[in-house]
């Protein structure tokens, strides 16, 4: 009853507040600080980290097997991801590689990548067949990403159903509540 009254009396104000919050978030997300913040926030997702590993392995495989150098390949990954939080880390990786630090060590120190990827990079770097190793890595991370996304989908479907049920229940209560109130008056 109180919730229904509050929502019905302040419906327009609540809509305006919601729209203002959305506009402010959009404006903030367009700033460098906002891009950095949301880039860092999304990096907390294990699925996103897995995606970074997949894109990195895939891009390195394609570009290195085409005869392009590692610095161009790493820079291409950075451009593909388009994440302000990761840009500085990729710039540091590129700088270290240009200064003569090994690929594996440069990437390991960034703390961006899975230990499997780092181990595979080490094998490819020491064996001189980095493109071939990245091909295997790309397949592994593609399978892992598909597996995680399927698991996430199976988790989200029931949560979405429950959420929709709760929303519909609240709407039904808001519609039915005046009917029950009429019974109290009579």
Protein backbone atom coordinates (compact mmCIF):
# COMPACT_ATOMS: atom_id res chain seq x y z
CA UNK A 1 0.00 0.00 0.00
CA UNK A 2 2.72 2.50 0.98
CA UNK A 3 4.95 1.43 -1.90
CA UNK A 4 2.07 1.62 -4.36
CA UNK A 5 1.13 5.10 -3.10
CA UNK A 6 4.74 6.29 -3.24
CA UNK A 7 5.24 5.02 -6.80
CA UNK A 8 1.93 6.39 -8.07
CA UNK A 9 2.49 9.81 -6.48
CA UNK A 10 6.14 10.12 -7.55
CA UNK A 11 6.12 8.20 -10.81
CA UNK A 12 7.15 11.15 -12.97
CA UNK A 13 9.87 12.21 -10.51
CA UNK A 14 11.26 8.65 -10.40
CA UNK A 15 11.35 8.50 -14.22
CA UNK A 16 13.15 11.87 -14.38
CA UNK A 17 15.68 10.81 -11.72
CA UNK A 18 16.32 7.56 -13.60
CA UNK A 19 16.84 9.46 -16.88
CA UNK A 20 19.20 11.96 -15.22
CA UNK A 21 21.27 9.12 -13.75
CA UNK A 22 21.47 7.45 -17.18
CA UNK A 23 22.53 10.73 -18.84
CA UNK A 24 25.17 11.41 -16.17
CA UNK A 25 26.55 7.87 -16.53
CA UNK A 26 26.73 8.32 -20.31
CA UNK A 27 28.52 11.67 -19.96
CA UNK A 28 30.93 10.18 -17.41
CA UNK A 29 31.60 7.13 -19.60
CA UNK A 30 32.65 9.44 -22.46
CA UNK A 31 35.39 11.09 -20.38
CA UNK A 32 38.89 9.59 -20.05
CA UNK A 33 38.32 8.92 -16.35
CA UNK A 34 35.00 7.26 -17.14
CA UNK A 35 36.50 5.10 -19.88
CA UNK A 36 39.29 4.10 -17.49
CA UNK A 37 36.81 3.37 -14.66
CA UNK A 38 34.47 1.25 -16.78
CA UNK A 39 37.47 -0.44 -18.46
CA UNK A 40 38.79 -1.42 -15.04
CA UNK A 41 35.32 -2.47 -13.88
CA UNK A 42 34.77 -4.80 -16.83
CA UNK A 43 38.27 -6.24 -16.32
CA UNK A 44 37.00 -7.71 -13.04
CA UNK A 45 34.85 -10.13 -15.05
CA UNK A 46 36.48 -13.57 -15.48
CA UNK A 47 34.71 -13.96 -18.83
CA UNK A 48 36.19 -10.67 -20.06
CA UNK A 49 39.68 -11.74 -18.94
CA UNK A 50 39.21 -15.00 -20.83
CA UNK A 51 38.11 -12.99 -23.86
CA UNK A 52 41.29 -10.88 -23.62
CA UNK A 53 43.40 -14.06 -23.59
CA UNK A 54 41.49 -15.40 -26.61
CA UNK A 55 41.79 -12.16 -28.61
CA UNK A 56 45.48 -11.89 -27.73
CA UNK A 57 46.27 -15.45 -28.82
CA UNK A 58 44.15 -15.16 -31.96
CA UNK A 59 45.63 -11.82 -33.04
CA UNK A 60 49.19 -12.94 -32.36
CA UNK A 61 48.60 -16.16 -34.30
CA UNK A 62 47.13 -14.36 -37.33
CA UNK A 63 49.63 -11.49 -37.45
CA UNK A 64 52.77 -13.46 -36.61
CA UNK A 65 51.93 -16.18 -39.13
CA UNK A 66 51.49 -13.38 -41.71
CA UNK A 67 55.05 -12.27 -41.03
CA UNK A 68 54.32 -9.15 -38.98
CA UNK A 69 56.37 -8.36 -35.89
CA UNK A 70 55.37 -8.84 -32.26
CA UNK A 71 55.21 -5.11 -31.47
CA UNK A 72 52.67 -4.52 -34.25
CA UNK A 73 50.71 -7.58 -33.07
CA UNK A 74 50.55 -6.42 -29.44
CA UNK A 75 49.58 -2.91 -30.54
CA UNK A 76 46.82 -4.43 -32.71
CA UNK A 77 45.45 -6.32 -29.69
CA UNK A 78 45.41 -3.05 -27.75
CA UNK A 79 43.48 -1.32 -30.54
CA UNK A 80 41.06 -4.25 -30.85
CA UNK A 81 40.20 -4.26 -27.14
CA UNK A 82 39.70 -0.48 -26.99
CA UNK A 83 39.92 -0.37 -23.19
CA UNK A 84 41.52 2.68 -21.54
CA UNK A 85 42.45 0.68 -18.44
CA UNK A 86 44.36 -1.84 -20.55
CA UNK A 87 45.95 0.71 -22.90
CA UNK A 88 48.63 1.76 -20.39
CA UNK A 89 49.47 -1.87 -19.65
CA UNK A 90 49.80 -2.70 -23.35
CA UNK A 91 51.94 0.42 -23.89
CA UNK A 92 54.23 -0.80 -21.11
CA UNK A 93 54.43 -4.27 -22.70
CA UNK A 94 55.37 -2.71 -26.04
CA UNK A 95 57.96 -0.45 -24.39
CA UNK A 96 59.57 -3.40 -22.59
CA UNK A 97 59.72 -5.48 -25.77
CA UNK A 98 61.29 -2.54 -27.66
CA UNK A 99 63.89 -2.22 -24.86
CA UNK A 100 64.89 -5.85 -25.30
CA UNK A 101 62.90 -7.59 -22.58
CA UNK A 102 61.59 -10.96 -23.67
CA UNK A 103 58.00 -11.26 -24.84
CA UNK A 104 57.03 -13.69 -22.10
CA UNK A 105 58.58 -11.64 -19.31
CA UNK A 106 57.03 -8.40 -20.62
CA UNK A 107 53.59 -9.95 -20.80
CA UNK A 108 53.90 -11.79 -17.49
CA UNK A 109 54.75 -8.56 -15.66
CA UNK A 110 51.56 -6.92 -16.96
CA UNK A 111 49.42 -9.30 -14.83
CA UNK A 112 46.77 -9.30 -17.56
CA UNK A 113 47.02 -12.81 -18.85
CA UNK A 114 46.27 -16.35 -17.79
CA UNK A 115 49.23 -18.46 -16.60
CA UNK A 116 48.46 -20.96 -19.39
CA UNK A 117 48.93 -18.23 -22.01
CA UNK A 118 52.17 -17.10 -20.39
CA UNK A 119 53.51 -20.68 -20.29
CA UNK A 120 52.57 -21.18 -23.93
CA UNK A 121 54.22 -17.87 -24.86
CA UNK A 122 57.38 -19.05 -23.14
CA UNK A 123 57.31 -22.33 -25.07
CA UNK A 124 56.74 -20.51 -28.36
CA UNK A 125 59.36 -17.87 -27.67
CA UNK A 126 62.09 -20.31 -26.63
CA UNK A 127 61.21 -22.75 -29.43
CA UNK A 128 61.03 -20.07 -32.10
CA UNK A 129 57.53 -21.10 -33.20
CA UNK A 130 55.38 -18.50 -31.46
CA UNK A 131 52.74 -18.35 -34.22
CA UNK A 132 52.15 -22.13 -34.10
CA UNK A 133 51.89 -22.14 -30.31
CA UNK A 134 49.47 -19.19 -30.42
CA UNK A 135 47.33 -21.21 -32.85
CA UNK A 136 46.92 -23.92 -30.20
CA UNK A 137 46.38 -21.29 -27.51
CA UNK A 138 43.70 -19.56 -29.58
CA UNK A 139 41.79 -22.85 -29.97
CA UNK A 140 42.06 -23.59 -26.26
CA UNK A 141 40.81 -20.14 -25.22
CA UNK A 142 38.01 -20.21 -27.82
CA UNK A 143 36.74 -23.48 -26.30
CA UNK A 144 37.09 -22.12 -22.75
CA UNK A 145 35.28 -18.91 -23.67
CA UNK A 146 32.41 -20.83 -25.30
CA UNK A 147 32.17 -23.10 -22.26
CA UNK A 148 32.07 -20.14 -19.83
CA UNK A 149 29.53 -18.25 -21.93
CA UNK A 150 27.27 -21.31 -22.09
CA UNK A 151 27.53 -21.74 -18.31
CA UNK A 152 26.78 -18.04 -17.82
CA UNK A 153 23.77 -18.29 -20.12
CA UNK A 154 22.44 -21.26 -18.14
CA UNK A 155 22.85 -19.20 -14.96
CA UNK A 156 21.25 -16.04 -16.32
CA UNK A 157 18.14 -17.68 -17.82
CA UNK A 158 16.59 -18.72 -14.47
CA UNK A 159 17.61 -15.42 -12.82
CA UNK A 160 15.95 -13.52 -15.64
CA UNK A 161 12.80 -15.61 -15.30
CA UNK A 162 12.68 -14.99 -11.54
CA UNK A 163 13.30 -11.24 -12.00
CA UNK A 164 10.52 -10.96 -14.58
CA UNK A 165 8.22 -12.91 -12.24
CA UNK A 166 8.99 -10.54 -9.36
CA UNK A 167 8.39 -7.47 -11.54
CA UNK A 168 5.09 -8.90 -12.81
CA UNK A 169 4.12 -9.77 -9.23
CA UNK A 170 4.76 -6.19 -8.09
CA UNK A 171 2.74 -4.84 -11.01
CA UNK A 172 -0.11 -7.24 -10.24
CA UNK A 173 -0.07 -6.22 -6.58
CA UNK A 174 -0.12 -2.55 -7.57
CA UNK A 175 -3.12 -3.21 -9.83
CA UNK A 176 -4.96 -5.47 -7.39
CA UNK A 177 -4.25 -3.45 -4.22
CA UNK A 178 -6.98 -0.84 -4.91
CA UNK A 179 -9.46 -3.71 -5.43
CA UNK A 180 -8.62 -5.08 -2.00
CA UNK A 181 -8.93 -1.59 -0.50
CA UNK A 182 -12.47 -1.28 -1.87
CA UNK A 183 -13.41 -4.40 0.12
CA UNK A 184 -12.15 -2.73 3.32
CA UNK A 185 -14.30 0.36 2.68
CA UNK A 186 -17.48 -1.68 2.18
